[in-house]
N, C-alpha and C. Protein backbone atom coordinates (compact mmCIF):
# COMPACT_ATOMS: atom_id res chain seq x y z
N MET A 1 32.61 101.78 3.23
CA MET A 1 31.88 102.84 3.88
C MET A 1 32.02 102.67 5.40
N ALA A 2 32.38 103.74 6.08
CA ALA A 2 32.56 103.70 7.53
C ALA A 2 31.20 103.73 8.23
N LYS A 3 31.07 102.94 9.25
CA LYS A 3 29.86 102.91 10.07
C LYS A 3 30.25 103.22 11.50
N THR A 4 29.35 103.77 12.26
CA THR A 4 29.60 104.10 13.66
C THR A 4 28.57 103.38 14.53
N LEU A 5 29.04 102.83 15.63
CA LEU A 5 28.17 102.16 16.61
C LEU A 5 28.41 102.84 17.94
N MET A 6 27.34 103.24 18.62
CA MET A 6 27.46 103.90 19.91
C MET A 6 26.83 103.01 20.99
N ILE A 7 27.59 102.79 22.07
CA ILE A 7 27.10 102.06 23.22
C ILE A 7 26.79 103.09 24.31
N GLN A 8 25.58 103.07 24.85
CA GLN A 8 25.21 104.01 25.89
C GLN A 8 24.69 103.26 27.11
N GLY A 9 24.90 103.82 28.27
CA GLY A 9 24.41 103.24 29.51
C GLY A 9 23.88 104.33 30.41
N THR A 10 23.17 103.92 31.44
CA THR A 10 22.53 104.89 32.32
C THR A 10 23.33 105.20 33.56
N MET A 11 24.43 104.47 33.78
CA MET A 11 25.22 104.72 34.99
C MET A 11 26.62 104.15 34.82
N SER A 12 27.50 104.50 35.74
CA SER A 12 28.83 103.91 35.77
C SER A 12 28.72 102.45 36.22
N ASN A 13 29.68 101.65 35.80
CA ASN A 13 29.76 100.25 36.20
C ASN A 13 28.58 99.41 35.70
N ALA A 14 28.01 99.82 34.53
CA ALA A 14 26.88 99.09 33.96
C ALA A 14 27.34 97.99 33.00
N GLY A 15 28.64 97.99 32.64
CA GLY A 15 29.17 96.97 31.74
C GLY A 15 29.40 97.44 30.32
N LYS A 16 29.35 98.74 30.08
CA LYS A 16 29.51 99.28 28.74
C LYS A 16 30.88 98.95 28.15
N SER A 17 31.93 99.05 28.96
CA SER A 17 33.29 98.82 28.46
C SER A 17 33.50 97.37 28.05
N ILE A 18 33.00 96.45 28.86
CA ILE A 18 33.15 95.02 28.54
C ILE A 18 32.30 94.66 27.32
N LEU A 19 31.09 95.19 27.25
CA LEU A 19 30.23 94.95 26.09
C LEU A 19 30.90 95.46 24.82
N THR A 20 31.48 96.65 24.90
CA THR A 20 32.17 97.23 23.76
C THR A 20 33.35 96.37 23.34
N ALA A 21 34.13 95.88 24.31
CA ALA A 21 35.26 94.99 23.99
C ALA A 21 34.78 93.74 23.27
N GLY A 22 33.68 93.16 23.74
CA GLY A 22 33.13 91.97 23.08
C GLY A 22 32.70 92.25 21.66
N ILE A 23 32.01 93.37 21.45
CA ILE A 23 31.56 93.74 20.10
C ILE A 23 32.76 93.98 19.19
N LEU A 24 33.79 94.65 19.70
CA LEU A 24 35.00 94.89 18.90
C LEU A 24 35.65 93.58 18.47
N ARG A 25 35.73 92.61 19.38
CA ARG A 25 36.33 91.32 19.03
C ARG A 25 35.50 90.60 17.96
N ILE A 26 34.17 90.63 18.10
CA ILE A 26 33.31 89.99 17.11
C ILE A 26 33.49 90.65 15.74
N LEU A 27 33.53 91.97 15.72
CA LEU A 27 33.74 92.69 14.45
C LEU A 27 35.07 92.31 13.83
N LYS A 28 36.13 92.25 14.63
CA LYS A 28 37.45 91.87 14.14
C LYS A 28 37.42 90.46 13.56
N GLN A 29 36.80 89.53 14.29
CA GLN A 29 36.73 88.15 13.82
C GLN A 29 35.90 88.02 12.54
N ASP A 30 34.96 88.93 12.33
CA ASP A 30 34.15 88.92 11.11
C ASP A 30 34.80 89.70 9.97
N GLY A 31 36.04 90.16 10.17
CA GLY A 31 36.79 90.79 9.09
C GLY A 31 36.68 92.30 9.00
N PHE A 32 36.07 92.93 9.98
CA PHE A 32 35.95 94.39 9.98
C PHE A 32 37.14 95.03 10.68
N ARG A 33 37.45 96.27 10.31
CA ARG A 33 38.44 97.07 11.04
C ARG A 33 37.65 97.94 12.01
N ALA A 34 37.93 97.80 13.28
CA ALA A 34 37.21 98.56 14.29
C ALA A 34 38.18 99.00 15.37
N ALA A 35 37.85 100.10 16.03
CA ALA A 35 38.69 100.61 17.12
C ALA A 35 37.79 101.31 18.13
N PRO A 36 38.19 101.30 19.40
CA PRO A 36 37.39 101.97 20.42
C PRO A 36 37.62 103.48 20.40
N PHE A 37 36.65 104.21 20.93
CA PHE A 37 36.81 105.65 21.14
C PHE A 37 35.91 106.05 22.29
N LYS A 38 36.47 106.74 23.24
CA LYS A 38 35.71 107.35 24.34
C LYS A 38 36.32 108.72 24.55
N SER A 39 35.55 109.76 24.24
CA SER A 39 36.11 111.11 24.24
C SER A 39 36.60 111.54 25.62
N GLN A 40 35.89 111.14 26.66
CA GLN A 40 36.30 111.51 28.02
C GLN A 40 36.15 110.30 28.92
N ASN A 41 37.14 110.06 29.75
CA ASN A 41 37.10 108.93 30.66
C ASN A 41 37.64 109.38 32.02
N MET A 42 36.99 108.92 33.08
CA MET A 42 37.50 109.17 34.42
C MET A 42 38.05 107.86 34.95
N ALA A 43 39.34 107.85 35.25
CA ALA A 43 39.99 106.63 35.73
C ALA A 43 41.16 107.01 36.61
N LEU A 44 41.30 106.29 37.70
CA LEU A 44 42.40 106.54 38.61
C LEU A 44 43.72 106.00 38.04
N ASN A 45 43.65 104.82 37.45
CA ASN A 45 44.85 104.21 36.86
C ASN A 45 44.82 104.39 35.35
N SER A 46 45.96 104.74 34.80
CA SER A 46 46.03 104.95 33.36
C SER A 46 47.08 104.03 32.74
N TYR A 47 47.08 104.00 31.43
CA TYR A 47 48.03 103.23 30.64
C TYR A 47 48.91 104.21 29.89
N ILE A 48 50.19 103.93 29.80
CA ILE A 48 51.11 104.78 29.05
C ILE A 48 51.33 104.14 27.68
N THR A 49 51.01 104.88 26.63
CA THR A 49 51.15 104.36 25.27
C THR A 49 52.62 104.34 24.84
N ARG A 50 52.86 103.76 23.68
CA ARG A 50 54.21 103.70 23.13
C ARG A 50 54.81 105.10 22.96
N GLU A 51 53.94 106.08 22.69
CA GLU A 51 54.40 107.47 22.50
C GLU A 51 54.58 108.19 23.84
N GLY A 52 54.27 107.52 24.95
CA GLY A 52 54.42 108.12 26.27
C GLY A 52 53.21 108.93 26.72
N LEU A 53 52.07 108.76 26.06
CA LEU A 53 50.84 109.47 26.42
C LEU A 53 49.96 108.57 27.29
N GLU A 54 49.07 109.20 28.06
CA GLU A 54 48.21 108.44 28.96
C GLU A 54 46.82 108.24 28.37
N MET A 55 46.24 107.09 28.67
CA MET A 55 44.85 106.82 28.28
C MET A 55 44.24 105.87 29.29
N GLY A 56 42.91 105.80 29.29
CA GLY A 56 42.21 104.93 30.21
C GLY A 56 42.44 103.46 29.91
N ARG A 57 42.53 102.65 30.96
CA ARG A 57 42.78 101.21 30.78
C ARG A 57 41.63 100.49 30.09
N ALA A 58 40.40 100.97 30.25
CA ALA A 58 39.27 100.33 29.59
C ALA A 58 39.43 100.38 28.07
N GLN A 59 39.89 101.52 27.55
CA GLN A 59 40.09 101.63 26.11
C GLN A 59 41.27 100.78 25.64
N VAL A 60 42.23 100.54 26.52
CA VAL A 60 43.35 99.64 26.18
C VAL A 60 42.82 98.22 26.01
N VAL A 61 41.99 97.77 26.94
CA VAL A 61 41.39 96.43 26.84
C VAL A 61 40.57 96.33 25.55
N GLN A 62 39.83 97.38 25.24
CA GLN A 62 39.03 97.38 24.02
C GLN A 62 39.90 97.33 22.77
N ALA A 63 41.01 98.08 22.77
CA ALA A 63 41.93 98.05 21.63
C ALA A 63 42.52 96.65 21.47
N GLU A 64 42.87 96.03 22.59
CA GLU A 64 43.40 94.67 22.52
C GLU A 64 42.34 93.71 21.98
N ALA A 65 41.09 93.89 22.36
CA ALA A 65 40.01 93.05 21.84
C ALA A 65 39.87 93.22 20.32
N ALA A 66 40.09 94.45 19.85
CA ALA A 66 40.02 94.75 18.41
C ALA A 66 41.32 94.40 17.70
N MET A 67 42.31 93.90 18.46
CA MET A 67 43.61 93.52 17.93
C MET A 67 44.30 94.69 17.21
N THR A 68 44.26 95.84 17.88
CA THR A 68 44.92 97.03 17.37
C THR A 68 45.72 97.68 18.50
N GLU A 69 46.69 98.48 18.13
CA GLU A 69 47.54 99.13 19.14
C GLU A 69 46.78 100.22 19.87
N PRO A 70 46.87 100.27 21.20
CA PRO A 70 46.22 101.35 21.95
C PRO A 70 46.87 102.70 21.63
N LEU A 71 46.07 103.66 21.26
CA LEU A 71 46.54 105.01 20.94
C LEU A 71 45.79 106.03 21.79
N ALA A 72 46.48 107.06 22.23
CA ALA A 72 45.85 108.08 23.07
C ALA A 72 44.68 108.76 22.35
N ASP A 73 44.67 108.76 21.02
CA ASP A 73 43.56 109.34 20.27
C ASP A 73 42.24 108.62 20.54
N MET A 74 42.32 107.39 21.04
CA MET A 74 41.11 106.63 21.37
C MET A 74 40.46 107.14 22.65
N ASN A 75 41.17 107.93 23.42
CA ASN A 75 40.69 108.47 24.70
C ASN A 75 41.36 109.83 24.93
N PRO A 76 40.96 110.87 24.16
CA PRO A 76 41.70 112.14 24.19
C PRO A 76 41.61 112.94 25.49
N ILE A 77 40.59 112.73 26.30
CA ILE A 77 40.48 113.46 27.56
C ILE A 77 40.40 112.44 28.70
N LEU A 78 41.38 112.50 29.58
CA LEU A 78 41.43 111.58 30.72
C LEU A 78 41.37 112.40 32.00
N LEU A 79 40.42 112.07 32.85
CA LEU A 79 40.28 112.72 34.15
C LEU A 79 40.77 111.74 35.21
N LYS A 80 41.78 112.15 35.99
CA LYS A 80 42.31 111.31 37.06
C LYS A 80 41.94 111.96 38.39
N PRO A 81 41.03 111.33 39.14
CA PRO A 81 40.61 111.92 40.42
C PRO A 81 41.79 112.11 41.37
N THR A 82 41.83 113.27 42.01
CA THR A 82 42.88 113.55 43.00
C THR A 82 42.32 113.54 44.42
N ASN A 83 41.03 113.86 44.55
CA ASN A 83 40.33 113.80 45.84
C ASN A 83 38.83 113.79 45.55
N ASP A 84 38.00 113.96 46.57
CA ASP A 84 36.55 113.89 46.39
C ASP A 84 35.99 115.00 45.51
N ILE A 85 36.71 116.10 45.38
CA ILE A 85 36.17 117.23 44.61
C ILE A 85 37.09 117.71 43.51
N GLY A 86 38.14 116.98 43.19
CA GLY A 86 39.07 117.44 42.18
C GLY A 86 39.62 116.32 41.31
N SER A 87 40.07 116.70 40.13
CA SER A 87 40.67 115.75 39.18
C SER A 87 41.80 116.42 38.42
N GLN A 88 42.77 115.62 38.06
CA GLN A 88 43.80 116.06 37.14
C GLN A 88 43.24 115.84 35.75
N VAL A 89 43.30 116.85 34.88
CA VAL A 89 42.78 116.75 33.53
C VAL A 89 43.95 116.58 32.56
N ILE A 90 43.91 115.49 31.81
CA ILE A 90 44.95 115.20 30.84
C ILE A 90 44.30 115.26 29.45
N VAL A 91 44.74 116.21 28.63
CA VAL A 91 44.17 116.40 27.30
C VAL A 91 45.24 116.06 26.27
N GLN A 92 44.93 115.13 25.39
CA GLN A 92 45.84 114.76 24.30
C GLN A 92 45.46 115.59 23.08
N ALA A 93 46.43 116.01 22.33
CA ALA A 93 46.16 116.79 21.11
C ALA A 93 45.82 115.83 19.98
N LEU A 94 44.63 116.01 19.40
CA LEU A 94 44.24 115.19 18.25
C LEU A 94 44.84 115.79 16.99
N PRO A 95 45.20 114.94 16.03
CA PRO A 95 45.78 115.48 14.77
C PRO A 95 44.75 116.23 13.98
């Protein structure tokens, strides 16, 4: 049976991504299959997946903690800031 765990925080830079990576590693070590998911992420630097798609680096670290391959489906909407009032929006098509 699939279970879902949600990590929430009150602000940016609160440590949610690192906490999530730690929980994913613990779950993996305890024999569970787990993977990160963040529907929307704002990040200046991105990671290019094996398929050539972009995703946030935080979800890549989390995927590595879960010992699974980083996939763009783990971060389908990526916002890359271009200036103080604008962002490039990268939307990956989910299957």
